[in-house]
Amino acid sequence: MAKGLKLTYILVTIVIAIAFGIVYILWGPLYYTLTPIGLHLDQFVYGMWFIAAPVVYLIIRKPGVALLAEIAAASGEFLLGSPWGLTVLLYGVVQGLFAELVFMAFRYKRFDLSIAVLAGLSSCIGSVIMDSFYGEILALSTWNLILYLVARSIGSLFFAGILAYYLVKALETTGVTNLVRPASREDYDALDVDER
C-alpha cells in the first residue's frame, strides 16, 4: 500500500464530506423539533452526524479518509451557519478520530456492515466524551443518562452503521465507487477469465 493519500482521494473525500456537511446543517431542524418532546428522542437522530466517516471510508478504503471526512463535513456545517459554532469543528475531529481508530484497529482491511456499525458506535463514544467535557450530560440523573446513552447508541448504530453501509452498497451497484477504488486482484482475475 502506498504511503499517504493521493490528491484524488483527498478531493473525493472533501466533495463527499461537504455534501454531508449540507445534510448535517439540514438535519438540525429535525433534531431541534424532537428535543422539546423529551425522553431523549433527539438522540435517536444524532447518529446522522457521524455518517460521513464510515461512508467515505467504505467508498475510498484508504487510511485517514474517515478522519478527513468528518473534519471536512464539520467544516462545511460550520461555514453554513451551524448553531453550535466552532465547537462543531472539535466534535468533527473527535468523531472522525474515533471512527478512524476502528478502521485502524482492523488494519484497514474490513469493509463490511460490522465495521461500519463499530465505527458509528465509536464516533458515538467520542461525542459523549465531548458532551461530558462541555458539561451537557453531567447533571443528568442515572436513569436519564442511561436513556440518553441508549438512544444515541441506537441512532449511531442505525445512521452511521446500517444506513452508511447500505448507502455505499447502493452506490456500488451503480459502479460509481469503482471510479475511486484501485483495481483489485479479483478485477484482474475477471479480466483473464473474460479473455478465454
C-alpha atoms as a PDB file:
ATOM      1  CA  MET A   1       0.000   0.000   0.000  1.00  0.00           C
ATOM      2  CA  ALA A   2       1.346   3.393  -0.963  1.00  0.00           C
ATOM      3  CA  LYS A   3       2.066   5.806   1.863  1.00  0.00           C
ATOM      4  CA  GLY A   4      -0.172   8.849   2.156  1.00  0.00           C
ATOM      5  CA  LEU A   5      -3.265   9.811   0.254  1.00  0.00           C
ATOM      6  CA  LYS A   6      -3.275  10.760  -3.393  1.00  0.00           C
ATOM      7  CA  LEU A   7      -4.769  14.125  -4.272  1.00  0.00           C
ATOM      8  CA  THR A   8      -7.660  12.336  -5.989  1.00  0.00           C
ATOM      9  CA  TYR A   9      -8.665  10.572  -2.756  1.00  0.00           C
ATOM     10  CA  ILE A  10      -8.407  13.799  -0.780  1.00  0.00           C
ATOM     11  CA  LEU A  11     -10.565  15.720  -3.260  1.00  0.00           C
ATOM     12  CA  VAL A  12     -13.200  12.976  -3.484  1.00  0.00           C
ATOM     13  CA  THR A  13     -13.281  12.761   0.318  1.00  0.00           C
ATOM     14  CA  ILE A  14     -13.777  16.510   0.645  1.00  0.00           C
ATOM     15  CA  VAL A  15     -16.516  16.633  -2.007  1.00  0.00           C
ATOM     16  CA  ILE A  16     -18.468  13.790  -0.373  1.00  0.00           C
ATOM     17  CA  ALA A  17     -17.900  15.279   3.076  1.00  0.00           C
ATOM     18  CA  ILE A  18     -19.095  18.736   2.039  1.00  0.00           C
ATOM     19  CA  ALA A  19     -22.281  17.102   0.731  1.00  0.00           C
ATOM     20  CA  PHE A  20     -22.691  15.553   4.182  1.00  0.00           C
ATOM     21  CA  GLY A  21     -21.983  18.937   5.754  1.00  0.00           C
ATOM     22  CA  ILE A  22     -25.068  20.208   3.915  1.00  0.00           C
ATOM     23  CA  VAL A  23     -27.033  17.186   5.176  1.00  0.00           C
ATOM     24  CA  TYR A  24     -25.784  17.916   8.706  1.00  0.00           C
ATOM     25  CA  ILE A  25     -26.982  21.514   8.644  1.00  0.00           C
ATOM     26  CA  LEU A  26     -30.364  20.444   7.231  1.00  0.00           C
ATOM     27  CA  TRP A  27     -30.615  17.725   9.894  1.00  0.00           C
ATOM     28  CA  GLY A  28     -30.511  20.284  12.717  1.00  0.00           C
ATOM     29  CA  PRO A  29     -34.191  21.307  12.498  1.00  0.00           C
ATOM     30  CA  LEU A  30     -35.295  17.679  12.910  1.00  0.00           C
ATOM     31  CA  TYR A  31     -33.067  17.367  15.968  1.00  0.00           C
ATOM     32  CA  TYR A  32     -34.444  20.591  17.451  1.00  0.00           C
ATOM     33  CA  THR A  33     -38.027  19.545  16.703  1.00  0.00           C
ATOM     34  CA  LEU A  34     -37.564  16.348  18.715  1.00  0.00           C
ATOM     35  CA  THR A  35     -35.683  17.971  21.620  1.00  0.00           C
ATOM     36  CA  PRO A  36     -38.703  19.532  23.415  1.00  0.00           C
ATOM     37  CA  ILE A  37     -40.632  16.241  23.288  1.00  0.00           C
ATOM     38  CA  GLY A  38     -38.238  14.812  25.851  1.00  0.00           C
ATOM     39  CA  LEU A  39     -37.204  11.224  26.585  1.00  0.00           C
ATOM     40  CA  HIS A  40     -34.087  11.951  24.525  1.00  0.00           C
ATOM     41  CA  LEU A  41     -35.911  11.303  21.247  1.00  0.00           C
ATOM     42  CA  ASP A  42     -33.487  13.785  19.683  1.00  0.00           C
ATOM     43  CA  GLN A  43     -30.640  11.376  20.461  1.00  0.00           C
ATOM     44  CA  PHE A  44     -32.146   8.750  18.143  1.00  0.00           C
ATOM     45  CA  VAL A  45     -31.360  11.018  15.176  1.00  0.00           C
ATOM     46  CA  TYR A  46     -27.989  12.255  16.485  1.00  0.00           C
ATOM     47  CA  GLY A  47     -26.124   9.422  14.740  1.00  0.00           C
ATOM     48  CA  MET A  48     -26.629  11.106  11.369  1.00  0.00           C
ATOM     49  CA  TRP A  49     -23.801  13.479  12.337  1.00  0.00           C
ATOM     50  CA  PHE A  50     -21.376  10.519  12.275  1.00  0.00           C
ATOM     51  CA  ILE A  51     -22.263   9.155   8.821  1.00  0.00           C
ATOM     52  CA  ALA A  52     -19.587  10.887   6.715  1.00  0.00           C
ATOM     53  CA  ALA A  53     -16.646   8.919   8.155  1.00  0.00           C
ATOM     54  CA  PRO A  54     -17.969   5.396   7.502  1.00  0.00           C
ATOM     55  CA  VAL A  55     -19.428   6.285   4.096  1.00  0.00           C
ATOM     56  CA  VAL A  56     -16.206   7.824   2.813  1.00  0.00           C
ATOM     57  CA  TYR A  57     -14.093   5.016   4.275  1.00  0.00           C
ATOM     58  CA  LEU A  58     -16.292   2.317   2.719  1.00  0.00           C
ATOM     59  CA  ILE A  59     -16.078   4.069  -0.652  1.00  0.00           C
ATOM     60  CA  ILE A  60     -12.387   5.003  -0.767  1.00  0.00           C
ATOM     61  CA  ARG A  61     -10.967   2.335   1.590  1.00  0.00           C
ATOM     62  CA  LYS A  62      -7.819   4.253   2.500  1.00  0.00           C
ATOM     63  CA  PRO A  63      -6.253   5.204   5.847  1.00  0.00           C
ATOM     64  CA  GLY A  64      -7.041   8.706   7.017  1.00  0.00           C
ATOM     65  CA  VAL A  65     -10.153   9.345   4.938  1.00  0.00           C
ATOM     66  CA  ALA A  66     -12.612   8.823   7.814  1.00  0.00           C
ATOM     67  CA  LEU A  67     -10.952  11.489   9.925  1.00  0.00           C
ATOM     68  CA  LEU A  68     -10.625  13.832   6.952  1.00  0.00           C
ATOM     69  CA  ALA A  69     -14.276  13.261   6.030  1.00  0.00           C
ATOM     70  CA  GLU A  70     -15.640  14.204   9.450  1.00  0.00           C
ATOM     71  CA  ILE A  71     -13.407  17.277   9.666  1.00  0.00           C
ATOM     72  CA  ALA A  72     -14.480  18.410   6.184  1.00  0.00           C
ATOM     73  CA  ALA A  73     -18.171  17.715   6.901  1.00  0.00           C
ATOM     74  CA  ALA A  74     -17.982  19.609  10.196  1.00  0.00           C
ATOM     75  CA  SER A  75     -16.214  22.473   8.407  1.00  0.00           C
ATOM     76  CA  GLY A  76     -18.960  22.582   5.792  1.00  0.00           C
ATOM     77  CA  GLU A  77     -21.595  22.575   8.515  1.00  0.00           C
ATOM     78  CA  PHE A  78     -19.773  25.376  10.338  1.00  0.00           C
ATOM     79  CA  LEU A  79     -19.453  27.508   7.198  1.00  0.00           C
ATOM     80  CA  LEU A  80     -23.177  27.067   6.520  1.00  0.00           C
ATOM     81  CA  GLY A  81     -24.004  28.526   9.930  1.00  0.00           C
ATOM     82  CA  SER A  82     -24.122  25.711  12.438  1.00  0.00           C
ATOM     83  CA  PRO A  83     -25.874  26.750  15.659  1.00  0.00           C
ATOM     84  CA  TRP A  84     -23.051  25.068  17.590  1.00  0.00           C
ATOM     85  CA  GLY A  85     -20.424  27.461  16.216  1.00  0.00           C
ATOM     86  CA  LEU A  86     -16.776  26.430  16.405  1.00  0.00           C
ATOM     87  CA  THR A  87     -17.498  23.508  18.724  1.00  0.00           C
ATOM     88  CA  VAL A  88     -18.862  21.652  15.703  1.00  0.00           C
ATOM     89  CA  LEU A  89     -15.277  21.502  14.379  1.00  0.00           C
ATOM     90  CA  LEU A  90     -13.995  19.975  17.623  1.00  0.00           C
ATOM     91  CA  TYR A  91     -16.781  17.421  17.561  1.00  0.00           C
ATOM     92  CA  GLY A  92     -15.931  16.611  13.931  1.00  0.00           C
ATOM     93  CA  VAL A  93     -12.292  15.976  14.790  1.00  0.00           C
ATOM     94  CA  VAL A  94     -13.124  13.726  17.751  1.00  0.00           C
ATOM     95  CA  GLN A  95     -15.904  11.815  15.979  1.00  0.00           C
ATOM     96  CA  GLY A  96     -13.733  11.289  12.904  1.00  0.00           C
ATOM     97  CA  LEU A  97     -10.767  10.215  15.030  1.00  0.00           C
ATOM     98  CA  PHE A  98     -12.837   7.654  16.929  1.00  0.00           C
ATOM     99  CA  ALA A  99     -14.150   6.191  13.647  1.00  0.00           C
ATOM    100  CA  GLU A 100     -10.640   6.162  12.184  1.00  0.00           C
ATOM    101  CA  LEU A 101      -9.341   4.235  15.219  1.00  0.00           C
ATOM    102  CA  VAL A 102     -11.799   1.419  14.486  1.00  0.00           C
ATOM    103  CA  PHE A 103     -10.671   1.129  10.871  1.00  0.00           C
ATOM    104  CA  MET A 104      -7.056   1.280  12.009  1.00  0.00           C
ATOM    105  CA  ALA A 105      -7.641  -1.480  14.579  1.00  0.00           C
ATOM    106  CA  PHE A 106      -8.654  -3.773  11.713  1.00  0.00           C
ATOM    107  CA  ARG A 107      -5.700  -2.604   9.599  1.00  0.00           C
ATOM    108  CA  TYR A 108      -7.972  -1.010   7.015  1.00  0.00           C
ATOM    109  CA  LYS A 109      -8.904  -4.439   5.645  1.00  0.00           C
ATOM    110  CA  ARG A 110     -12.570  -4.683   6.676  1.00  0.00           C
ATOM    111  CA  PHE A 111     -15.381  -3.100   4.646  1.00  0.00           C
ATOM    112  CA  ASP A 112     -18.446  -4.901   5.970  1.00  0.00           C
ATOM    113  CA  LEU A 113     -21.543  -3.942   7.937  1.00  0.00           C
ATOM    114  CA  SER A 114     -19.987  -4.784  11.294  1.00  0.00           C
ATOM    115  CA  ILE A 115     -17.051  -2.403  10.745  1.00  0.00           C
ATOM    116  CA  ALA A 116     -19.460   0.412   9.826  1.00  0.00           C
ATOM    117  CA  VAL A 117     -21.514  -0.268  12.962  1.00  0.00           C
ATOM    118  CA  LEU A 118     -18.388  -0.319  15.145  1.00  0.00           C
ATOM    119  CA  ALA A 119     -17.190   2.962  13.618  1.00  0.00           C
ATOM    120  CA  GLY A 120     -20.584   4.564  14.215  1.00  0.00           C
ATOM    121  CA  LEU A 121     -20.624   3.415  17.831  1.00  0.00           C
ATOM    122  CA  SER A 122     -17.038   4.581  18.289  1.00  0.00           C
ATOM    123  CA  SER A 123     -17.955   8.041  16.983  1.00  0.00           C
ATOM    124  CA  CYS A 124     -20.848   7.968  19.430  1.00  0.00           C
ATOM    125  CA  ILE A 125     -18.399   7.370  22.287  1.00  0.00           C
ATOM    126  CA  GLY A 126     -16.295  10.299  21.089  1.00  0.00           C
ATOM    127  CA  SER A 127     -19.337  12.560  21.002  1.00  0.00           C
ATOM    128  CA  VAL A 128     -20.370  11.536  24.522  1.00  0.00           C
ATOM    129  CA  ILE A 129     -16.870  12.336  25.769  1.00  0.00           C
ATOM    130  CA  MET A 130     -17.176  15.765  24.151  1.00  0.00           C
ATOM    131  CA  ASP A 131     -20.639  16.253  25.677  1.00  0.00           C
ATOM    132  CA  SER A 132     -19.286  15.470  29.133  1.00  0.00           C
ATOM    133  CA  PHE A 133     -16.342  17.815  28.559  1.00  0.00           C
ATOM    134  CA  TYR A 134     -18.776  20.615  27.726  1.00  0.00           C
ATOM    135  CA  GLY A 135     -20.937  19.679  30.724  1.00  0.00           C
ATOM    136  CA  GLU A 136     -24.040  18.837  28.740  1.00  0.00           C
ATOM    137  CA  ILE A 137     -24.687  15.476  30.400  1.00  0.00           C
ATOM    138  CA  LEU A 138     -23.053  15.760  33.823  1.00  0.00           C
ATOM    139  CA  ALA A 139     -26.243  16.910  35.552  1.00  0.00           C
ATOM    140  CA  LEU A 140     -28.395  14.045  34.263  1.00  0.00           C
ATOM    141  CA  SER A 141     -29.673  11.533  36.797  1.00  0.00           C
ATOM    142  CA  THR A 142     -28.568   7.927  36.297  1.00  0.00           C
ATOM    143  CA  TRP A 143     -31.760   6.715  34.596  1.00  0.00           C
ATOM    144  CA  ASN A 144     -31.790   9.790  32.357  1.00  0.00           C
ATOM    145  CA  LEU A 145     -28.146   9.331  31.411  1.00  0.00           C
ATOM    146  CA  ILE A 146     -28.753   5.670  30.555  1.00  0.00           C
ATOM    147  CA  LEU A 147     -31.721   6.634  28.383  1.00  0.00           C
ATOM    148  CA  TYR A 148     -29.583   9.298  26.694  1.00  0.00           C
ATOM    149  CA  LEU A 149     -26.722   6.845  26.006  1.00  0.00           C
ATOM    150  CA  VAL A 150     -29.017   4.084  24.744  1.00  0.00           C
ATOM    151  CA  ALA A 151     -30.898   6.456  22.431  1.00  0.00           C
ATOM    152  CA  ARG A 152     -27.702   7.935  20.973  1.00  0.00           C
ATOM    153  CA  SER A 153     -26.141   4.477  20.564  1.00  0.00           C
ATOM    154  CA  ILE A 154     -29.187   3.167  18.693  1.00  0.00           C
ATOM    155  CA  GLY A 155     -29.187   6.224  16.439  1.00  0.00           C
ATOM    156  CA  SER A 156     -25.460   5.827  15.803  1.00  0.00           C
ATOM    157  CA  LEU A 157     -25.812   2.146  15.036  1.00  0.00           C
ATOM    158  CA  PHE A 158     -28.584   2.874  12.567  1.00  0.00           C
ATOM    159  CA  PHE A 159     -27.430   6.047  10.798  1.00  0.00           C
ATOM    160  CA  ALA A 160     -23.622   5.765  10.878  1.00  0.00           C
ATOM    161  CA  GLY A 161     -23.609   1.973  10.717  1.00  0.00           C
ATOM    162  CA  ILE A 162     -26.502   0.369   8.865  1.00  0.00           C
ATOM    163  CA  LEU A 163     -27.572   3.340   6.730  1.00  0.00           C
ATOM    164  CA  ALA A 164     -23.970   4.209   5.826  1.00  0.00           C
ATOM    165  CA  TYR A 165     -23.216   0.629   4.785  1.00  0.00           C
ATOM    166  CA  TYR A 166     -26.321   0.230   2.625  1.00  0.00           C
ATOM    167  CA  LEU A 167     -25.887   3.667   1.087  1.00  0.00           C
ATOM    168  CA  VAL A 168     -22.437   2.611  -0.115  1.00  0.00           C
ATOM    169  CA  LYS A 169     -23.829  -0.744  -1.281  1.00  0.00           C
ATOM    170  CA  ALA A 170     -26.393   1.152  -3.369  1.00  0.00           C
ATOM    171  CA  LEU A 171     -23.612   3.293  -4.844  1.00  0.00           C
ATOM    172  CA  GLU A 172     -21.608   0.153  -5.629  1.00  0.00           C
ATOM    173  CA  THR A 173     -24.447  -1.222  -7.747  1.00  0.00           C
ATOM    174  CA  THR A 174     -24.188   1.867  -9.953  1.00  0.00           C
ATOM    175  CA  GLY A 175     -20.447   1.305 -10.448  1.00  0.00           C
ATOM    176  CA  VAL A 176     -19.565   4.826  -9.294  1.00  0.00           C
ATOM    177  CA  THR A 177     -17.355   3.553  -6.457  1.00  0.00           C
ATOM    178  CA  ASN A 178     -15.098   1.823  -8.985  1.00  0.00           C
ATOM    179  CA  LEU A 179     -14.008   5.257 -10.165  1.00  0.00           C
ATOM    180  CA  VAL A 180     -12.114   5.892  -6.922  1.00  0.00           C
ATOM    181  CA  ARG A 181     -11.039   2.403  -5.927  1.00  0.00           C
ATOM    182  CA  PRO A 182      -7.895   0.788  -7.260  1.00  0.00           C
ATOM    183  CA  ALA A 183      -8.345  -2.412  -9.230  1.00  0.00           C
ATOM    184  CA  SER A 184      -8.313  -5.484  -7.001  1.00  0.00           C
ATOM    185  CA  ARG A 185      -6.857  -8.920  -7.669  1.00  0.00           C
ATOM    186  CA  GLU A 186     -10.402 -10.161  -8.375  1.00  0.00           C
ATOM    187  CA  ASP A 187     -10.793  -7.499 -11.068  1.00  0.00           C
ATOM    188  CA  TYR A 188      -7.647  -8.714 -12.818  1.00  0.00           C
ATOM    189  CA  ASP A 189      -8.751 -12.341 -12.465  1.00  0.00           C
ATOM    190  CA  ALA A 190     -12.129 -11.461 -14.001  1.00  0.00           C
ATOM    191  CA  LEU A 191     -10.354  -9.903 -16.993  1.00  0.00           C
ATOM    192  CA  ASP A 192      -8.330 -13.087 -17.502  1.00  0.00           C
ATOM    193  CA  VAL A 193     -11.496 -15.214 -17.456  1.00  0.00           C
ATOM    194  CA  ASP A 194     -13.225 -12.965 -19.987  1.00  0.00           C
ATOM    195  CA  GLU A 195     -10.353 -13.319 -22.441  1.00  0.00           C
ATOM    196  CA  ARG A 196     -10.549 -17.129 -22.534  1.00  0.00           C
END
